[in-house]
Amino acid sequence: LSNALYDSPRIGKPAQITADQRAKITALACSEPPLGHQRWTLRLLAERVVELDLVEEISHETVRTILKKTS
């Protein structure tokens, strides 16, 4: 019974991006794109997130995963 009540440690790397950071990335994706661009690209979003010091580093694929989970 005690095995059913408690999870064993999970394998894999723990999440590096907090829920607050995810929300800010999603909000940025919904904002106006930078001048000279019609829309945000994943790479542009990743660069801007780092420029805004929301995270130290992030890949465009991580941005894609974050946005995919919110849709």
C-alpha atoms as a PDB file:
ATOM      1  CA  LEU A   1       0.000   0.000   0.000  1.00  0.00           C
ATOM      2  CA  SER A   2       2.811   2.446   0.803  1.00  0.00           C
ATOM      3  CA  ASN A   3       4.261   1.943  -2.696  1.00  0.00           C
ATOM      4  CA  ALA A   4       0.975   3.059  -4.223  1.00  0.00           C
ATOM      5  CA  LEU A   5       0.836   6.228  -2.113  1.00  0.00           C
ATOM      6  CA  TYR A   6       4.289   7.580  -2.907  1.00  0.00           C
ATOM      7  CA  ASP A   7       5.929   8.146  -6.275  1.00  0.00           C
ATOM      8  CA  SER A   8       9.458   7.026  -6.804  1.00  0.00           C
ATOM      9  CA  PRO A   9      11.890   9.621  -8.188  1.00  0.00           C
ATOM     10  CA  ARG A  10      11.333  10.380 -11.859  1.00  0.00           C
ATOM     11  CA  ILE A  11      13.994   9.916 -14.471  1.00  0.00           C
ATOM     12  CA  GLY A  12      15.102  12.773 -16.688  1.00  0.00           C
ATOM     13  CA  LYS A  13      16.199  16.327 -16.242  1.00  0.00           C
ATOM     14  CA  PRO A  14      13.945  18.570 -14.109  1.00  0.00           C
ATOM     15  CA  ALA A  15      12.225  21.491 -15.815  1.00  0.00           C
ATOM     16  CA  GLN A  16      14.408  24.587 -16.112  1.00  0.00           C
ATOM     17  CA  ILE A  17      11.675  27.011 -17.165  1.00  0.00           C
ATOM     18  CA  THR A  18       9.210  28.136 -14.496  1.00  0.00           C
ATOM     19  CA  ALA A  19       5.490  28.607 -15.033  1.00  0.00           C
ATOM     20  CA  ASP A  20       5.969  32.382 -14.762  1.00  0.00           C
ATOM     21  CA  GLN A  21       8.631  32.321 -17.479  1.00  0.00           C
ATOM     22  CA  ARG A  22       6.371  30.189 -19.680  1.00  0.00           C
ATOM     23  CA  ALA A  23       3.551  32.710 -19.266  1.00  0.00           C
ATOM     24  CA  LYS A  24       5.851  35.600 -20.207  1.00  0.00           C
ATOM     25  CA  ILE A  25       7.118  33.756 -23.290  1.00  0.00           C
ATOM     26  CA  THR A  26       3.532  33.064 -24.369  1.00  0.00           C
ATOM     27  CA  ALA A  27       2.569  36.709 -23.798  1.00  0.00           C
ATOM     28  CA  LEU A  28       5.551  37.842 -25.854  1.00  0.00           C
ATOM     29  CA  ALA A  29       4.496  35.544 -28.700  1.00  0.00           C
ATOM     30  CA  CYS A  30       1.052  37.190 -28.651  1.00  0.00           C
ATOM     31  CA  SER A  31       2.503  40.700 -28.800  1.00  0.00           C
ATOM     32  CA  GLU A  32       3.393  42.754 -31.854  1.00  0.00           C
ATOM     33  CA  PRO A  33       6.434  41.401 -33.722  1.00  0.00           C
ATOM     34  CA  PRO A  34       9.583  43.526 -33.986  1.00  0.00           C
ATOM     35  CA  LEU A  35       9.822  46.185 -36.663  1.00  0.00           C
ATOM     36  CA  GLY A  36      10.614  44.721 -40.050  1.00  0.00           C
ATOM     37  CA  HIS A  37       8.856  41.428 -39.314  1.00  0.00           C
ATOM     38  CA  GLN A  38       5.275  40.426 -40.015  1.00  0.00           C
ATOM     39  CA  ARG A  39       5.209  37.792 -37.282  1.00  0.00           C
ATOM     40  CA  TRP A  40       7.304  36.235 -34.576  1.00  0.00           C
ATOM     41  CA  THR A  41       9.503  33.292 -35.502  1.00  0.00           C
ATOM     42  CA  LEU A  42      10.690  30.787 -32.937  1.00  0.00           C
ATOM     43  CA  ARG A  43      14.262  32.015 -33.312  1.00  0.00           C
ATOM     44  CA  LEU A  44      13.232  35.659 -32.904  1.00  0.00           C
ATOM     45  CA  LEU A  45      11.279  34.769 -29.777  1.00  0.00           C
ATOM     46  CA  ALA A  46      14.210  32.818 -28.330  1.00  0.00           C
ATOM     47  CA  GLU A  47      16.577  35.739 -28.968  1.00  0.00           C
ATOM     48  CA  ARG A  48      14.179  38.292 -27.461  1.00  0.00           C
ATOM     49  CA  VAL A  49      13.548  36.170 -24.365  1.00  0.00           C
ATOM     50  CA  VAL A  50      17.295  36.105 -23.690  1.00  0.00           C
ATOM     51  CA  GLU A  51      17.609  39.850 -24.414  1.00  0.00           C
ATOM     52  CA  LEU A  52      14.848  40.556 -21.878  1.00  0.00           C
ATOM     53  CA  ASP A  53      16.700  38.417 -19.281  1.00  0.00           C
ATOM     54  CA  LEU A  54      13.704  36.146 -18.790  1.00  0.00           C
ATOM     55  CA  VAL A  55      16.101  33.193 -19.039  1.00  0.00           C
ATOM     56  CA  GLU A  56      19.851  32.853 -19.421  1.00  0.00           C
ATOM     57  CA  GLU A  57      19.542  30.758 -22.563  1.00  0.00           C
ATOM     58  CA  ILE A  58      16.776  29.007 -24.474  1.00  0.00           C
ATOM     59  CA  SER A  59      16.555  27.198 -27.782  1.00  0.00           C
ATOM     60  CA  HIS A  60      13.947  27.852 -30.410  1.00  0.00           C
ATOM     61  CA  GLU A  61      12.787  24.248 -29.954  1.00  0.00           C
ATOM     62  CA  THR A  62      12.093  24.886 -26.276  1.00  0.00           C
ATOM     63  CA  VAL A  63      10.057  27.949 -27.291  1.00  0.00           C
ATOM     64  CA  ARG A  64       8.141  25.744 -29.737  1.00  0.00           C
ATOM     65  CA  THR A  65       7.377  23.227 -26.996  1.00  0.00           C
ATOM     66  CA  ILE A  66       6.174  25.970 -24.630  1.00  0.00           C
ATOM     67  CA  LEU A  67       3.885  27.481 -27.258  1.00  0.00           C
ATOM     68  CA  LYS A  68       2.593  24.084 -28.357  1.00  0.00           C
ATOM     69  CA  LYS A  69       1.520  23.254 -24.801  1.00  0.00           C
ATOM     70  CA  THR A  70      -0.503  26.480 -24.561  1.00  0.00           C
ATOM     71  CA  SER A  71      -2.487  25.952 -27.758  1.00  0.00           C
END
